[in-house]
Amino acid sequence: MSADIKADNQPYDDINVTPMLDLAYVLLVVFIILTTASVQGVKVAAPETRSTSNLAKPQTRAITVTADGSMFLDAYPVTLEQLATLLGQYKAGNPNLPVVLKGDAAAPYEKIVAVLAVVKKLDIAQLGLVTKRSGQ
């Protein structure tokens, strides 16, 4: 019987690392989800200006025109007709709808003018143009 007690007091030759690996995999999945969830919007090269103000407000709608002339409303691709329809719906829900226009410096000028015409037609008074400060 004393031989059995001695066998229980022997040091372990191996360590079970399965719970530690489970924790590492869970942390990896959480990290991947958090880093990909924060990526949103369409990246454009904004034209430069000397002074800018913070125009971001709650429920602000962002219109983006890329260098190739593609249009996006809140990071979703739209045509000019879809843009007018969606902005009209948002304007019906919020009469003081703020809109921000982000145009790439190389964007076709006629696309910017067409977006401005839609905004004017819908009588949206709060319009901001996104630029970046020179030297940044």
C-alpha atoms as a PDB file:
ATOM      1  CA  MET A   1       0.000   0.000   0.000  1.00  0.00           C
ATOM      2  CA  SER A   2       2.847   2.369   0.632  1.00  0.00           C
ATOM      3  CA  ALA A   3       3.953   1.831  -2.993  1.00  0.00           C
ATOM      4  CA  ASP A   4       0.661   3.285  -4.213  1.00  0.00           C
ATOM      5  CA  ILE A   5       1.090   6.425  -2.111  1.00  0.00           C
ATOM      6  CA  LYS A   6       4.605   6.938  -3.404  1.00  0.00           C
ATOM      7  CA  ALA A   7       3.348   6.740  -7.021  1.00  0.00           C
ATOM      8  CA  ASP A   8       0.873   9.607  -6.387  1.00  0.00           C
ATOM      9  CA  ASN A   9       3.633  11.896  -5.121  1.00  0.00           C
ATOM     10  CA  GLN A  10       5.754  11.572  -8.294  1.00  0.00           C
ATOM     11  CA  PRO A  11       6.233  14.789 -10.357  1.00  0.00           C
ATOM     12  CA  TYR A  12       4.404  14.997 -13.689  1.00  0.00           C
ATOM     13  CA  ASP A  13       6.403  14.274 -16.822  1.00  0.00           C
ATOM     14  CA  ASP A  14       4.085  16.259 -19.141  1.00  0.00           C
ATOM     15  CA  ILE A  15       1.762  19.239 -18.964  1.00  0.00           C
ATOM     16  CA  ASN A  16      -1.665  19.339 -20.602  1.00  0.00           C
ATOM     17  CA  VAL A  17      -1.596  22.470 -22.815  1.00  0.00           C
ATOM     18  CA  THR A  18      -5.001  21.965 -24.444  1.00  0.00           C
ATOM     19  CA  PRO A  19      -6.813  24.556 -22.265  1.00  0.00           C
ATOM     20  CA  MET A  20      -4.053  27.092 -22.952  1.00  0.00           C
ATOM     21  CA  LEU A  21      -4.343  26.511 -26.720  1.00  0.00           C
ATOM     22  CA  ASP A  22      -8.136  26.886 -26.539  1.00  0.00           C
ATOM     23  CA  LEU A  23      -7.684  30.259 -24.882  1.00  0.00           C
ATOM     24  CA  ALA A  24      -5.117  31.327 -27.492  1.00  0.00           C
ATOM     25  CA  TYR A  25      -7.492  30.411 -30.338  1.00  0.00           C
ATOM     26  CA  VAL A  26     -10.375  32.325 -28.759  1.00  0.00           C
ATOM     27  CA  LEU A  27      -8.181  35.405 -28.324  1.00  0.00           C
ATOM     28  CA  LEU A  28      -7.019  35.134 -31.939  1.00  0.00           C
ATOM     29  CA  VAL A  29     -10.599  34.967 -33.235  1.00  0.00           C
ATOM     30  CA  VAL A  30     -11.648  37.956 -31.099  1.00  0.00           C
ATOM     31  CA  PHE A  31      -8.669  39.964 -32.357  1.00  0.00           C
ATOM     32  CA  ILE A  32      -9.470  39.157 -35.995  1.00  0.00           C
ATOM     33  CA  ILE A  33     -13.130  40.118 -35.590  1.00  0.00           C
ATOM     34  CA  LEU A  34     -12.339  43.397 -33.826  1.00  0.00           C
ATOM     35  CA  THR A  35      -9.732  44.515 -36.354  1.00  0.00           C
ATOM     36  CA  THR A  36     -11.874  43.775 -39.408  1.00  0.00           C
ATOM     37  CA  ALA A  37     -15.027  45.301 -37.908  1.00  0.00           C
ATOM     38  CA  SER A  38     -13.407  48.724 -37.542  1.00  0.00           C
ATOM     39  CA  VAL A  39     -12.584  49.026 -41.263  1.00  0.00           C
ATOM     40  CA  GLN A  40     -15.282  50.926 -43.117  1.00  0.00           C
ATOM     41  CA  GLY A  41     -15.687  53.590 -45.737  1.00  0.00           C
ATOM     42  CA  VAL A  42     -13.946  54.247 -49.008  1.00  0.00           C
ATOM     43  CA  LYS A  43     -10.458  55.740 -49.026  1.00  0.00           C
ATOM     44  CA  VAL A  44      -9.899  58.739 -51.289  1.00  0.00           C
ATOM     45  CA  ALA A  45      -7.171  61.339 -51.622  1.00  0.00           C
ATOM     46  CA  ALA A  46      -8.938  64.503 -50.391  1.00  0.00           C
ATOM     47  CA  PRO A  47      -7.918  67.875 -51.859  1.00  0.00           C
ATOM     48  CA  GLU A  48      -5.956  70.166 -49.573  1.00  0.00           C
ATOM     49  CA  THR A  49      -7.121  73.390 -47.905  1.00  0.00           C
ATOM     50  CA  ARG A  50      -5.751  75.725 -45.245  1.00  0.00           C
ATOM     51  CA  SER A  51      -8.604  75.545 -42.744  1.00  0.00           C
ATOM     52  CA  THR A  52     -11.080  72.840 -41.954  1.00  0.00           C
ATOM     53  CA  SER A  53     -13.767  72.448 -39.361  1.00  0.00           C
ATOM     54  CA  ASN A  54     -15.251  69.362 -37.776  1.00  0.00           C
ATOM     55  CA  LEU A  55     -18.484  68.792 -39.709  1.00  0.00           C
ATOM     56  CA  ALA A  56     -19.220  65.315 -38.410  1.00  0.00           C
ATOM     57  CA  LYS A  57     -22.600  65.191 -36.694  1.00  0.00           C
ATOM     58  CA  PRO A  58     -24.834  62.337 -35.705  1.00  0.00           C
ATOM     59  CA  GLN A  59     -26.815  60.951 -38.655  1.00  0.00           C
ATOM     60  CA  THR A  60     -24.508  62.657 -41.136  1.00  0.00           C
ATOM     61  CA  ARG A  61     -24.612  61.038 -44.563  1.00  0.00           C
ATOM     62  CA  ALA A  62     -21.332  60.793 -46.464  1.00  0.00           C
ATOM     63  CA  ILE A  63     -21.223  60.915 -50.246  1.00  0.00           C
ATOM     64  CA  THR A  64     -17.903  59.789 -51.736  1.00  0.00           C
ATOM     65  CA  VAL A  65     -16.735  60.263 -55.318  1.00  0.00           C
ATOM     66  CA  THR A  66     -13.599  58.282 -56.168  1.00  0.00           C
ATOM     67  CA  ALA A  67     -10.928  59.100 -58.733  1.00  0.00           C
ATOM     68  CA  ASP A  68     -12.570  56.846 -61.333  1.00  0.00           C
ATOM     69  CA  GLY A  69     -15.954  58.569 -60.859  1.00  0.00           C
ATOM     70  CA  SER A  70     -17.650  55.899 -58.746  1.00  0.00           C
ATOM     71  CA  MET A  71     -20.135  57.208 -56.196  1.00  0.00           C
ATOM     72  CA  PHE A  72     -20.781  55.838 -52.717  1.00  0.00           C
ATOM     73  CA  LEU A  73     -23.347  56.748 -50.080  1.00  0.00           C
ATOM     74  CA  ASP A  74     -22.093  55.730 -46.635  1.00  0.00           C
ATOM     75  CA  ALA A  75     -19.618  53.255 -48.231  1.00  0.00           C
ATOM     76  CA  TYR A  76     -22.287  51.632 -50.455  1.00  0.00           C
ATOM     77  CA  PRO A  77     -21.975  52.053 -54.241  1.00  0.00           C
ATOM     78  CA  VAL A  78     -24.845  54.012 -55.791  1.00  0.00           C
ATOM     79  CA  THR A  79     -25.832  55.568 -59.094  1.00  0.00           C
ATOM     80  CA  LEU A  80     -26.899  59.193 -59.351  1.00  0.00           C
ATOM     81  CA  GLU A  81     -30.580  58.171 -59.421  1.00  0.00           C
ATOM     82  CA  GLN A  82     -30.190  55.917 -56.380  1.00  0.00           C
ATOM     83  CA  LEU A  83     -28.362  58.725 -54.584  1.00  0.00           C
ATOM     84  CA  ALA A  84     -31.274  61.115 -55.210  1.00  0.00           C
ATOM     85  CA  THR A  85     -33.832  58.535 -54.020  1.00  0.00           C
ATOM     86  CA  LEU A  86     -31.944  57.577 -50.854  1.00  0.00           C
ATOM     87  CA  LEU A  87     -31.117  61.167 -49.906  1.00  0.00           C
ATOM     88  CA  GLY A  88     -34.776  62.059 -50.437  1.00  0.00           C
ATOM     89  CA  GLN A  89     -35.803  59.312 -48.024  1.00  0.00           C
ATOM     90  CA  TYR A  90     -33.242  60.422 -45.442  1.00  0.00           C
ATOM     91  CA  LYS A  91     -34.353  64.057 -45.883  1.00  0.00           C
ATOM     92  CA  ALA A  92     -37.980  63.039 -45.258  1.00  0.00           C
ATOM     93  CA  GLY A  93     -36.924  61.477 -41.948  1.00  0.00           C
ATOM     94  CA  ASN A  94     -34.687  64.394 -40.940  1.00  0.00           C
ATOM     95  CA  PRO A  95     -35.448  67.818 -42.489  1.00  0.00           C
ATOM     96  CA  ASN A  96     -32.081  69.172 -41.273  1.00  0.00           C
ATOM     97  CA  LEU A  97     -30.123  66.290 -42.815  1.00  0.00           C
ATOM     98  CA  PRO A  98     -26.388  67.015 -42.748  1.00  0.00           C
ATOM     99  CA  VAL A  99     -24.437  65.709 -45.753  1.00  0.00           C
ATOM    100  CA  VAL A 100     -20.682  65.493 -46.240  1.00  0.00           C
ATOM    101  CA  LEU A 101     -19.162  65.259 -49.716  1.00  0.00           C
ATOM    102  CA  LYS A 102     -15.773  63.534 -49.993  1.00  0.00           C
ATOM    103  CA  GLY A 103     -14.381  63.867 -53.471  1.00  0.00           C
ATOM    104  CA  ASP A 104     -11.026  62.552 -54.621  1.00  0.00           C
ATOM    105  CA  ALA A 105      -8.737  65.299 -55.903  1.00  0.00           C
ATOM    106  CA  ALA A 106      -8.609  63.467 -59.255  1.00  0.00           C
ATOM    107  CA  ALA A 107     -12.388  62.841 -59.435  1.00  0.00           C
ATOM    108  CA  PRO A 108     -14.172  63.974 -62.614  1.00  0.00           C
ATOM    109  CA  TYR A 109     -15.527  67.465 -61.974  1.00  0.00           C
ATOM    110  CA  GLU A 110     -18.854  66.713 -63.666  1.00  0.00           C
ATOM    111  CA  LYS A 111     -19.555  63.961 -61.102  1.00  0.00           C
ATOM    112  CA  ILE A 112     -19.040  66.418 -58.225  1.00  0.00           C
ATOM    113  CA  VAL A 113     -21.298  68.968 -59.940  1.00  0.00           C
ATOM    114  CA  ALA A 114     -23.976  66.294 -60.498  1.00  0.00           C
ATOM    115  CA  VAL A 115     -23.897  65.357 -56.789  1.00  0.00           C
ATOM    116  CA  LEU A 116     -24.123  69.036 -55.807  1.00  0.00           C
ATOM    117  CA  ALA A 117     -27.119  69.428 -58.148  1.00  0.00           C
ATOM    118  CA  VAL A 118     -28.889  66.505 -56.432  1.00  0.00           C
ATOM    119  CA  VAL A 119     -28.197  68.022 -53.013  1.00  0.00           C
ATOM    120  CA  LYS A 120     -29.514  71.411 -54.162  1.00  0.00           C
ATOM    121  CA  LYS A 121     -32.611  69.845 -55.761  1.00  0.00           C
ATOM    122  CA  LEU A 122     -33.444  68.123 -52.455  1.00  0.00           C
ATOM    123  CA  ASP A 123     -32.970  71.452 -50.606  1.00  0.00           C
ATOM    124  CA  ILE A 124     -30.288  70.077 -48.277  1.00  0.00           C
ATOM    125  CA  ALA A 125     -28.795  73.140 -46.618  1.00  0.00           C
ATOM    126  CA  GLN A 126     -26.189  71.472 -44.394  1.00  0.00           C
ATOM    127  CA  LEU A 127     -23.463  70.403 -46.809  1.00  0.00           C
ATOM    128  CA  GLY A 128     -19.803  69.988 -45.957  1.00  0.00           C
ATOM    129  CA  LEU A 129     -16.870  69.381 -48.278  1.00  0.00           C
ATOM    130  CA  VAL A 130     -14.145  67.154 -46.865  1.00  0.00           C
ATOM    131  CA  THR A 131     -10.588  68.324 -47.413  1.00  0.00           C
ATOM    132  CA  LYS A 132      -7.291  67.834 -45.663  1.00  0.00           C
ATOM    133  CA  ARG A 133      -4.990  70.519 -44.389  1.00  0.00           C
ATOM    134  CA  SER A 134      -2.002  71.318 -46.528  1.00  0.00           C
ATOM    135  CA  GLY A 135       1.192  69.852 -45.196  1.00  0.00           C
ATOM    136  CA  GLN A 136      -0.413  66.640 -43.898  1.00  0.00           C
END
